[in-house]
All heavy atoms as atom14 arrays in JSON, in Angstrom:
{
  "sequence": "RALQKLVPEIAASDLQPAGAGVRAQALDRSGRLLDDFVIVRSDRMI",
  "atom14_mask": [
    [1, 1, 1, 1, 1, 1, 1, 1, 1, 1, 1, 0, 0, 0],
    [1, 1, 1, 1, 1, 0, 0, 0, 0, 0, 0, 0, 0, 0],
    [1, 1, 1, 1, 1, 1, 1, 1, 0, 0, 0, 0, 0, 0],
    [1, 1, 1, 1, 1, 1, 1, 1, 1, 0, 0, 0, 0, 0],
    [1, 1, 1, 1, 1, 1, 1, 1, 1, 0, 0, 0, 0, 0],
    [1, 1, 1, 1, 1, 1, 1, 1, 0, 0, 0, 0, 0, 0],
    [1, 1, 1, 1, 1, 1, 1, 0, 0, 0, 0, 0, 0, 0],
    [1, 1, 1, 1, 1, 1, 1, 0, 0, 0, 0, 0, 0, 0],
    [1, 1, 1, 1, 1, 1, 1, 1, 1, 0, 0, 0, 0, 0],
    [1, 1, 1, 1, 1, 1, 1, 1, 0, 0, 0, 0, 0, 0],
    [1, 1, 1, 1, 1, 0, 0, 0, 0, 0, 0, 0, 0, 0],
    [1, 1, 1, 1, 1, 0, 0, 0, 0, 0, 0, 0, 0, 0],
    [1, 1, 1, 1, 1, 1, 0, 0, 0, 0, 0, 0, 0, 0],
    [1, 1, 1, 1, 1, 1, 1, 1, 0, 0, 0, 0, 0, 0],
    [1, 1, 1, 1, 1, 1, 1, 1, 0, 0, 0, 0, 0, 0],
    [1, 1, 1, 1, 1, 1, 1, 1, 1, 0, 0, 0, 0, 0],
    [1, 1, 1, 1, 1, 1, 1, 0, 0, 0, 0, 0, 0, 0],
    [1, 1, 1, 1, 1, 0, 0, 0, 0, 0, 0, 0, 0, 0],
    [1, 1, 1, 1, 0, 0, 0, 0, 0, 0, 0, 0, 0, 0],
    [1, 1, 1, 1, 1, 0, 0, 0, 0, 0, 0, 0, 0, 0],
    [1, 1, 1, 1, 0, 0, 0, 0, 0, 0, 0, 0, 0, 0],
    [1, 1, 1, 1, 1, 1, 1, 0, 0, 0, 0, 0, 0, 0],
    [1, 1, 1, 1, 1, 1, 1, 1, 1, 1, 1, 0, 0, 0],
    [1, 1, 1, 1, 1, 0, 0, 0, 0, 0, 0, 0, 0, 0],
    [1, 1, 1, 1, 1, 1, 1, 1, 1, 0, 0, 0, 0, 0],
    [1, 1, 1, 1, 1, 0, 0, 0, 0, 0, 0, 0, 0, 0],
    [1, 1, 1, 1, 1, 1, 1, 1, 0, 0, 0, 0, 0, 0],
    [1, 1, 1, 1, 1, 1, 1, 1, 0, 0, 0, 0, 0, 0],
    [1, 1, 1, 1, 1, 1, 1, 1, 1, 1, 1, 0, 0, 0],
    [1, 1, 1, 1, 1, 1, 0, 0, 0, 0, 0, 0, 0, 0],
    [1, 1, 1, 1, 0, 0, 0, 0, 0, 0, 0, 0, 0, 0],
    [1, 1, 1, 1, 1, 1, 1, 1, 1, 1, 1, 0, 0, 0],
    [1, 1, 1, 1, 1, 1, 1, 1, 0, 0, 0, 0, 0, 0],
    [1, 1, 1, 1, 1, 1, 1, 1, 0, 0, 0, 0, 0, 0],
    [1, 1, 1, 1, 1, 1, 1, 1, 0, 0, 0, 0, 0, 0],
    [1, 1, 1, 1, 1, 1, 1, 1, 0, 0, 0, 0, 0, 0],
    [1, 1, 1, 1, 1, 1, 1, 1, 1, 1, 1, 0, 0, 0],
    [1, 1, 1, 1, 1, 1, 1, 0, 0, 0, 0, 0, 0, 0],
    [1, 1, 1, 1, 1, 1, 1, 1, 0, 0, 0, 0, 0, 0],
    [1, 1, 1, 1, 1, 1, 1, 0, 0, 0, 0, 0, 0, 0],
    [1, 1, 1, 1, 1, 1, 1, 1, 1, 1, 1, 0, 0, 0],
    [1, 1, 1, 1, 1, 1, 0, 0, 0, 0, 0, 0, 0, 0],
    [1, 1, 1, 1, 1, 1, 1, 1, 0, 0, 0, 0, 0, 0],
    [1, 1, 1, 1, 1, 1, 1, 1, 1, 1, 1, 0, 0, 0],
    [1, 1, 1, 1, 1, 1, 1, 1, 0, 0, 0, 0, 0, 0],
    [1, 1, 1, 1, 1, 1, 1, 1, 0, 0, 0, 0, 0, 0]
  ],
  "atom14_positions": [
    [[12.35, -23.95, -5.99], [12.59, -24.41, -4.58], [11.74, -23.75, -3.54], [11.14, -24.32, -2.66], [14.04, -24.17, -4.28], [14.98, -25.18, -4.87], [16.36, -25.04, -4.3], [17.0, -23.75, -4.44], [17.61, -23.32, -5.53], [17.79, -24.13, -6.56], [18.14, -22.07, -5.62], [0.0, 0.0, 0.0], [0.0, 0.0, 0.0], [0.0, 0.0, 0.0]],
    [[11.46, -22.4, -3.67], [10.57, -21.73, -2.79], [9.18, -22.21, -2.81], [8.49, -22.39, -1.8], [10.57, -20.18, -3.1], [0.0, 0.0, 0.0], [0.0, 0.0, 0.0], [0.0, 0.0, 0.0], [0.0, 0.0, 0.0], [0.0, 0.0, 0.0], [0.0, 0.0, 0.0], [0.0, 0.0, 0.0], [0.0, 0.0, 0.0], [0.0, 0.0, 0.0]],
    [[8.65, -22.49, -4.02], [7.35, -23.01, -4.21], [7.2, -24.46, -3.63], [6.24, -24.84, -3.14], [6.93, -23.06, -5.67], [6.66, -21.75, -6.34], [6.39, -21.91, -7.86], [5.47, -21.04, -5.69], [0.0, 0.0, 0.0], [0.0, 0.0, 0.0], [0.0, 0.0, 0.0], [0.0, 0.0, 0.0], [0.0, 0.0, 0.0], [0.0, 0.0, 0.0]],
    [[8.24, -25.21, -3.71], [8.21, -26.58, -3.27], [8.14, -26.67, -1.8], [7.68, -27.69, -1.19], [9.47, -27.37, -3.7], [9.48, -27.68, -5.17], [10.7, -28.24, -5.72], [11.82, -27.96, -5.23], [10.74, -28.99, -6.8], [0.0, 0.0, 0.0], [0.0, 0.0, 0.0], [0.0, 0.0, 0.0], [0.0, 0.0, 0.0], [0.0, 0.0, 0.0]],
    [[8.36, -25.59, -1.04], [8.15, -25.56, 0.42], [6.66, -25.63, 0.66], [6.21, -26.1, 1.7], [8.74, -24.29, 1.02], [10.24, -24.31, 1.02], [10.83, -23.08, 1.54], [12.32, -23.11, 1.46], [12.97, -21.88, 1.89], [0.0, 0.0, 0.0], [0.0, 0.0, 0.0], [0.0, 0.0, 0.0], [0.0, 0.0, 0.0], [0.0, 0.0, 0.0]],
    [[5.8, -25.08, -0.26], [4.31, -25.16, -0.13], [3.72, -26.32, -0.85], [2.8, -26.89, -0.32], [3.81, -23.82, -0.57], [4.26, -22.56, -0.01], [3.84, -21.32, -0.78], [3.8, -22.47, 1.5], [0.0, 0.0, 0.0], [0.0, 0.0, 0.0], [0.0, 0.0, 0.0], [0.0, 0.0, 0.0], [0.0, 0.0, 0.0], [0.0, 0.0, 0.0]],
    [[4.24, -26.53, -2.09], [3.78, -27.64, -2.84], [4.85, -28.52, -3.29], [5.51, -28.2, -4.37], [2.99, -27.09, -4.05], [2.34, -28.23, -4.9], [1.95, -26.14, -3.66], [0.0, 0.0, 0.0], [0.0, 0.0, 0.0], [0.0, 0.0, 0.0], [0.0, 0.0, 0.0], [0.0, 0.0, 0.0], [0.0, 0.0, 0.0], [0.0, 0.0, 0.0]],
    [[5.23, -29.52, -2.55], [6.52, -30.34, -2.81], [6.52, -30.99, -4.2], [7.53, -31.2, -4.83], [6.55, -31.43, -1.76], [5.68, -30.77, -0.63], [4.66, -29.94, -1.28], [0.0, 0.0, 0.0], [0.0, 0.0, 0.0], [0.0, 0.0, 0.0], [0.0, 0.0, 0.0], [0.0, 0.0, 0.0], [0.0, 0.0, 0.0], [0.0, 0.0, 0.0]],
    [[5.37, -31.32, -4.76], [5.29, -32.0, -6.07], [5.53, -31.04, -7.21], [5.72, -31.58, -8.38], [3.88, -32.63, -6.2], [3.54, -33.59, -5.19], [2.96, -32.92, -3.93], [2.56, -31.8, -3.95], [2.87, -33.66, -2.82], [0.0, 0.0, 0.0], [0.0, 0.0, 0.0], [0.0, 0.0, 0.0], [0.0, 0.0, 0.0], [0.0, 0.0, 0.0]],
    [[5.62, -29.8, -7.11], [5.76, -28.92, -8.15], [7.15, -29.02, -8.77], [8.17, -29.22, -8.03], [5.44, -27.45, -7.82], [5.01, -26.63, -9.05], [6.55, -26.71, -7.1], [4.2, -25.42, -8.76], [0.0, 0.0, 0.0], [0.0, 0.0, 0.0], [0.0, 0.0, 0.0], [0.0, 0.0, 0.0], [0.0, 0.0, 0.0], [0.0, 0.0, 0.0]],
    [[7.27, -28.93, -10.12], [8.51, -29.02, -10.79], [8.71, -27.73, -11.65], [7.78, -27.08, -11.96], [8.59, -30.23, -11.68], [0.0, 0.0, 0.0], [0.0, 0.0, 0.0], [0.0, 0.0, 0.0], [0.0, 0.0, 0.0], [0.0, 0.0, 0.0], [0.0, 0.0, 0.0], [0.0, 0.0, 0.0], [0.0, 0.0, 0.0], [0.0, 0.0, 0.0]],
    [[9.96, -27.49, -12.02], [10.27, -26.3, -12.83], [9.51, -26.37, -14.12], [9.04, -25.35, -14.63], [11.71, -26.22, -13.06], [0.0, 0.0, 0.0], [0.0, 0.0, 0.0], [0.0, 0.0, 0.0], [0.0, 0.0, 0.0], [0.0, 0.0, 0.0], [0.0, 0.0, 0.0], [0.0, 0.0, 0.0], [0.0, 0.0, 0.0], [0.0, 0.0, 0.0]],
    [[9.29, -27.53, -14.64], [8.58, -27.81, -15.96], [7.08, -27.33, -15.81], [6.5, -27.18, -16.84], [8.77, -29.21, -16.48], [8.19, -30.08, -15.49], [0.0, 0.0, 0.0], [0.0, 0.0, 0.0], [0.0, 0.0, 0.0], [0.0, 0.0, 0.0], [0.0, 0.0, 0.0], [0.0, 0.0, 0.0], [0.0, 0.0, 0.0], [0.0, 0.0, 0.0]],
    [[6.58, -27.24, -14.59], [5.23, -26.9, -14.35], [5.06, -25.37, -14.46], [3.88, -24.86, -14.55], [4.73, -27.31, -13.02], [4.74, -28.81, -12.78], [4.4, -29.48, -13.81], [5.03, -29.24, -11.62], [0.0, 0.0, 0.0], [0.0, 0.0, 0.0], [0.0, 0.0, 0.0], [0.0, 0.0, 0.0], [0.0, 0.0, 0.0], [0.0, 0.0, 0.0]],
    [[6.11, -24.58, -14.51], [6.09, -23.19, -14.42], [6.32, -22.49, -15.74], [7.15, -22.96, -16.52], [7.11, -22.67, -13.41], [7.05, -23.32, -12.01], [8.21, -22.81, -11.13], [5.72, -23.04, -11.32], [0.0, 0.0, 0.0], [0.0, 0.0, 0.0], [0.0, 0.0, 0.0], [0.0, 0.0, 0.0], [0.0, 0.0, 0.0], [0.0, 0.0, 0.0]],
    [[5.6, -21.44, -16.0], [5.79, -20.63, -17.26], [5.93, -19.19, -16.81], [5.31, -18.71, -15.89], [4.59, -20.8, -18.15], [4.28, -22.18, -18.68], [3.16, -22.27, -19.6], [2.59, -21.24, -20.0], [2.73, -23.46, -19.9], [0.0, 0.0, 0.0], [0.0, 0.0, 0.0], [0.0, 0.0, 0.0], [0.0, 0.0, 0.0], [0.0, 0.0, 0.0]],
    [[6.74, -18.48, -17.48], [6.97, -17.03, -17.21], [5.64, -16.27, -17.38], [4.89, -16.59, -18.26], [8.0, -16.62, -18.27], [8.67, -17.87, -18.74], [7.63, -18.9, -18.6], [0.0, 0.0, 0.0], [0.0, 0.0, 0.0], [0.0, 0.0, 0.0], [0.0, 0.0, 0.0], [0.0, 0.0, 0.0], [0.0, 0.0, 0.0], [0.0, 0.0, 0.0]],
    [[5.5, -15.32, -16.58], [4.28, -14.44, -16.62], [4.6, -13.08, -15.99], [5.65, -12.96, -15.31], [3.05, -15.14, -15.97], [0.0, 0.0, 0.0], [0.0, 0.0, 0.0], [0.0, 0.0, 0.0], [0.0, 0.0, 0.0], [0.0, 0.0, 0.0], [0.0, 0.0, 0.0], [0.0, 0.0, 0.0], [0.0, 0.0, 0.0], [0.0, 0.0, 0.0]],
    [[3.59, -12.16, -16.11], [3.85, -10.94, -15.47], [3.82, -11.01, -13.95], [3.18, -11.95, -13.37], [0.0, 0.0, 0.0], [0.0, 0.0, 0.0], [0.0, 0.0, 0.0], [0.0, 0.0, 0.0], [0.0, 0.0, 0.0], [0.0, 0.0, 0.0], [0.0, 0.0, 0.0], [0.0, 0.0, 0.0], [0.0, 0.0, 0.0], [0.0, 0.0, 0.0]],
    [[4.36, -10.08, -13.24], [4.34, -10.08, -11.82], [3.32, -9.08, -11.32], [3.04, -8.06, -11.9], [5.8, -9.68, -11.29], [0.0, 0.0, 0.0], [0.0, 0.0, 0.0], [0.0, 0.0, 0.0], [0.0, 0.0, 0.0], [0.0, 0.0, 0.0], [0.0, 0.0, 0.0], [0.0, 0.0, 0.0], [0.0, 0.0, 0.0], [0.0, 0.0, 0.0]],
    [[2.75, -9.35, -10.17], [1.84, -8.46, -9.52], [2.53, -7.54, -8.55], [3.71, -7.78, -8.27], [0.0, 0.0, 0.0], [0.0, 0.0, 0.0], [0.0, 0.0, 0.0], [0.0, 0.0, 0.0], [0.0, 0.0, 0.0], [0.0, 0.0, 0.0], [0.0, 0.0, 0.0], [0.0, 0.0, 0.0], [0.0, 0.0, 0.0], [0.0, 0.0, 0.0]],
    [[1.84, -6.68, -8.0], [2.33, -5.73, -7.01], [1.51, -5.97, -5.69], [0.33, -5.97, -5.81], [2.24, -4.3, -7.41], [2.75, -3.37, -6.3], [3.07, -4.01, -8.63], [0.0, 0.0, 0.0], [0.0, 0.0, 0.0], [0.0, 0.0, 0.0], [0.0, 0.0, 0.0], [0.0, 0.0, 0.0], [0.0, 0.0, 0.0], [0.0, 0.0, 0.0]],
    [[2.23, -6.24, -4.66], [1.51, -6.42, -3.38], [1.87, -5.28, -2.47], [3.0, -5.05, -2.09], [2.05, -7.7, -2.76], [1.26, -7.99, -1.44], [1.8, -9.18, -0.75], [2.97, -8.79, 0.06], [3.59, -9.62, 0.91], [3.24, -10.83, 1.03], [4.59, -9.19, 1.66], [0.0, 0.0, 0.0], [0.0, 0.0, 0.0], [0.0, 0.0, 0.0]],
    [[0.82, -4.5, -2.2], [1.07, -3.32, -1.23], [1.26, -3.92, 0.14], [0.72, -4.95, 0.53], [-0.23, -2.51, -1.19], [0.0, 0.0, 0.0], [0.0, 0.0, 0.0], [0.0, 0.0, 0.0], [0.0, 0.0, 0.0], [0.0, 0.0, 0.0], [0.0, 0.0, 0.0], [0.0, 0.0, 0.0], [0.0, 0.0, 0.0], [0.0, 0.0, 0.0]],
    [[2.1, -3.32, 0.92], [2.39, -3.72, 2.31], [2.29, -2.59, 3.22], [2.99, -1.64, 3.05], [3.81, -4.39, 2.39], [4.18, -4.9, 3.71], [3.23, -6.07, 4.08], [3.21, -7.12, 3.42], [2.6, -5.94, 5.26], [0.0, 0.0, 0.0], [0.0, 0.0, 0.0], [0.0, 0.0, 0.0], [0.0, 0.0, 0.0], [0.0, 0.0, 0.0]],
    [[1.43, -2.72, 4.15], [1.32, -1.58, 5.17], [2.32, -1.71, 6.32], [2.75, -2.78, 6.68], [-0.14, -1.65, 5.75], [0.0, 0.0, 0.0], [0.0, 0.0, 0.0], [0.0, 0.0, 0.0], [0.0, 0.0, 0.0], [0.0, 0.0, 0.0], [0.0, 0.0, 0.0], [0.0, 0.0, 0.0], [0.0, 0.0, 0.0], [0.0, 0.0, 0.0]],
    [[2.67, -0.63, 6.8], [3.64, -0.43, 7.94], [2.92, 0.21, 9.07], [2.08, 1.07, 8.94], [4.81, 0.4, 7.51], [5.57, -0.09, 6.29], [6.62, 0.96, 5.97], [6.25, -1.45, 6.51], [0.0, 0.0, 0.0], [0.0, 0.0, 0.0], [0.0, 0.0, 0.0], [0.0, 0.0, 0.0], [0.0, 0.0, 0.0], [0.0, 0.0, 0.0]],
    [[3.38, -0.11, 10.29], [2.89, 0.62, 11.48], [3.75, 1.9, 11.57], [4.73, 2.2, 10.78], [2.83, -0.16, 12.7], [4.17, -0.53, 13.22], [5.24, -0.07, 12.78], [4.29, -1.46, 14.2], [0.0, 0.0, 0.0], [0.0, 0.0, 0.0], [0.0, 0.0, 0.0], [0.0, 0.0, 0.0], [0.0, 0.0, 0.0], [0.0, 0.0, 0.0]],
    [[3.54, 2.8, 12.6], [4.19, 4.03, 12.72], [5.66, 3.87, 12.91], [6.46, 4.8, 12.71], [3.51, 4.84, 13.84], [2.18, 5.38, 13.41], [1.66, 6.38, 14.54], [0.3, 6.67, 14.25], [-0.09, 7.7, 13.51], [0.85, 8.41, 12.9], [-1.35, 8.02, 13.28], [0.0, 0.0, 0.0], [0.0, 0.0, 0.0], [0.0, 0.0, 0.0]],
    [[6.06, 2.74, 13.54], [7.48, 2.43, 13.81], [8.26, 1.82, 12.59], [9.36, 1.53, 12.72], [7.69, 1.58, 15.09], [7.14, 0.29, 14.79], [0.0, 0.0, 0.0], [0.0, 0.0, 0.0], [0.0, 0.0, 0.0], [0.0, 0.0, 0.0], [0.0, 0.0, 0.0], [0.0, 0.0, 0.0], [0.0, 0.0, 0.0], [0.0, 0.0, 0.0]],
    [[7.56, 1.56, 11.5], [8.07, 0.97, 10.35], [8.08, -0.57, 10.28], [8.7, -1.07, 9.35], [0.0, 0.0, 0.0], [0.0, 0.0, 0.0], [0.0, 0.0, 0.0], [0.0, 0.0, 0.0], [0.0, 0.0, 0.0], [0.0, 0.0, 0.0], [0.0, 0.0, 0.0], [0.0, 0.0, 0.0], [0.0, 0.0, 0.0], [0.0, 0.0, 0.0]],
    [[7.37, -1.16, 11.17], [7.24, -2.56, 11.16], [6.17, -3.06, 10.2], [5.13, -2.4, 10.01], [6.89, -3.27, 12.51], [8.05, -3.07, 13.5], [7.66, -3.62, 14.84], [6.39, -2.94, 15.19], [5.93, -2.87, 16.46], [6.65, -3.26, 17.47], [4.87, -2.21, 16.82], [0.0, 0.0, 0.0], [0.0, 0.0, 0.0], [0.0, 0.0, 0.0]],
    [[6.4, -4.16, 9.46], [5.35, -4.62, 8.51], [4.1, -5.18, 9.33], [4.32, -5.8, 10.33], [5.99, -5.83, 7.71], [7.11, -5.48, 6.82], [7.66, -6.75, 6.21], [6.62, -4.54, 5.74], [0.0, 0.0, 0.0], [0.0, 0.0, 0.0], [0.0, 0.0, 0.0], [0.0, 0.0, 0.0], [0.0, 0.0, 0.0], [0.0, 0.0, 0.0]],
    [[2.96, -4.85, 8.78], [1.79, -5.41, 9.31], [1.34, -6.63, 8.51], [1.13, -6.66, 7.33], [0.66, -4.32, 9.23], [0.82, -3.04, 10.02], [-0.27, -2.02, 9.73], [0.91, -3.34, 11.59], [0.0, 0.0, 0.0], [0.0, 0.0, 0.0], [0.0, 0.0, 0.0], [0.0, 0.0, 0.0], [0.0, 0.0, 0.0], [0.0, 0.0, 0.0]],
    [[1.23, -7.73, 9.26], [0.93, -9.01, 8.55], [-0.53, -9.26, 8.4], [-0.98, -10.08, 7.66], [1.51, -10.2, 9.43], [3.05, -10.19, 9.39], [3.57, -9.7, 8.39], [3.63, -10.61, 10.45], [0.0, 0.0, 0.0], [0.0, 0.0, 0.0], [0.0, 0.0, 0.0], [0.0, 0.0, 0.0], [0.0, 0.0, 0.0], [0.0, 0.0, 0.0]],
    [[-1.35, -8.55, 9.15], [-2.8, -8.78, 9.15], [-3.5, -7.46, 8.95], [-2.92, -6.37, 8.83], [-3.26, -9.29, 10.53], [-4.5, -10.21, 10.45], [-5.07, -10.22, 9.31], [-4.86, -10.86, 11.4], [0.0, 0.0, 0.0], [0.0, 0.0, 0.0], [0.0, 0.0, 0.0], [0.0, 0.0, 0.0], [0.0, 0.0, 0.0], [0.0, 0.0, 0.0]],
    [[-4.81, -7.52, 8.74], [-5.53, -6.32, 8.52], [-5.68, -5.51, 9.74], [-5.51, -5.93, 10.87], [-6.99, -6.58, 7.98], [-7.89, -7.33, 8.92], [-8.67, -6.56, 9.71], [-7.86, -8.65, 9.05], [-9.47, -7.16, 10.61], [-8.7, -9.27, 9.9], [-9.51, -8.58, 10.73], [0.0, 0.0, 0.0], [0.0, 0.0, 0.0], [0.0, 0.0, 0.0]],
    [[-5.92, -4.2, 9.64], [-6.13, -3.33, 10.76], [-7.37, -2.53, 10.53], [-7.57, -2.07, 9.41], [-4.88, -2.34, 10.86], [-4.99, -1.36, 11.95], [-3.61, -3.14, 11.0], [0.0, 0.0, 0.0], [0.0, 0.0, 0.0], [0.0, 0.0, 0.0], [0.0, 0.0, 0.0], [0.0, 0.0, 0.0], [0.0, 0.0, 0.0], [0.0, 0.0, 0.0]],
    [[-8.14, -2.33, 11.6], [-9.33, -1.5, 11.47], [-9.06, -0.2, 12.28], [-8.63, -0.16, 13.38], [-10.57, -2.25, 12.15], [-10.89, -3.51, 11.39], [-11.75, -1.27, 12.1], [-11.97, -4.34, 12.05], [0.0, 0.0, 0.0], [0.0, 0.0, 0.0], [0.0, 0.0, 0.0], [0.0, 0.0, 0.0], [0.0, 0.0, 0.0], [0.0, 0.0, 0.0]],
    [[-9.16, 0.9, 11.46], [-8.82, 2.29, 11.97], [-10.12, 3.09, 11.99], [-10.73, 3.11, 10.88], [-7.72, 2.91, 11.13], [-7.41, 4.28, 11.67], [-6.49, 2.01, 11.11], [0.0, 0.0, 0.0], [0.0, 0.0, 0.0], [0.0, 0.0, 0.0], [0.0, 0.0, 0.0], [0.0, 0.0, 0.0], [0.0, 0.0, 0.0], [0.0, 0.0, 0.0]],
    [[-10.38, 3.74, 13.01], [-11.54, 4.57, 13.1], [-11.12, 6.05, 13.07], [-10.15, 6.43, 13.81], [-12.33, 4.26, 14.4], [-13.5, 5.07, 14.63], [-14.04, 4.82, 16.07], [-15.19, 4.07, 15.96], [-15.76, 3.39, 16.91], [-15.21, 3.45, 18.12], [-16.85, 2.68, 16.75], [0.0, 0.0, 0.0], [0.0, 0.0, 0.0], [0.0, 0.0, 0.0]],
    [[-11.8, 6.88, 12.27], [-11.62, 8.3, 12.35], [-12.91, 8.9, 12.63], [-13.85, 8.22, 12.91], [-11.04, 8.78, 11.04], [-11.86, 8.45, 9.94], [0.0, 0.0, 0.0], [0.0, 0.0, 0.0], [0.0, 0.0, 0.0], [0.0, 0.0, 0.0], [0.0, 0.0, 0.0], [0.0, 0.0, 0.0], [0.0, 0.0, 0.0], [0.0, 0.0, 0.0]],
    [[-13.13, 10.23, 12.51], [-14.28, 10.91, 12.85], [-15.6, 10.23, 12.4], [-16.39, 9.82, 13.28], [-14.32, 12.35, 12.39], [-13.21, 13.16, 13.06], [-12.86, 12.84, 14.22], [-12.81, 14.22, 12.49], [0.0, 0.0, 0.0], [0.0, 0.0, 0.0], [0.0, 0.0, 0.0], [0.0, 0.0, 0.0], [0.0, 0.0, 0.0], [0.0, 0.0, 0.0]],
    [[-15.8, 10.14, 11.22], [-17.04, 9.53, 10.66], [-16.76, 8.43, 9.7], [-17.72, 8.07, 8.93], [-17.9, 10.66, 9.95], [-18.25, 11.78, 10.97], [-19.06, 12.85, 10.34], [-20.36, 12.29, 9.72], [-20.99, 12.81, 8.75], [-20.5, 13.95, 8.18], [-22.05, 12.23, 8.35], [0.0, 0.0, 0.0], [0.0, 0.0, 0.0], [0.0, 0.0, 0.0]],
    [[-15.66, 7.75, 9.9], [-15.3, 6.68, 8.94], [-14.63, 5.52, 9.59], [-14.04, 5.72, 10.71], [-14.32, 7.12, 7.87], [-14.95, 8.17, 6.94], [-13.65, 8.84, 5.75], [-13.11, 10.28, 6.57], [0.0, 0.0, 0.0], [0.0, 0.0, 0.0], [0.0, 0.0, 0.0], [0.0, 0.0, 0.0], [0.0, 0.0, 0.0], [0.0, 0.0, 0.0]],
    [[-14.76, 4.33, 9.07], [-14.01, 3.23, 9.59], [-13.27, 2.6, 8.37], [-13.86, 2.38, 7.29], [-15.04, 2.14, 10.14], [-15.84, 2.68, 11.33], [-14.33, 0.84, 10.46], [-16.98, 1.82, 11.79], [0.0, 0.0, 0.0], [0.0, 0.0, 0.0], [0.0, 0.0, 0.0], [0.0, 0.0, 0.0], [0.0, 0.0, 0.0], [0.0, 0.0, 0.0]]
  ]
}
């Protein structure tokens, strides 16, 4: 059902069990999720 929100034609028979990946998720200093990339500058690095 969750996939059908993106691809309505998909059916359960189209899916096969597989391993899961890990998605790292960055947070800002207040604990909010960052949805996009962030460019941070330090002394001699970007």
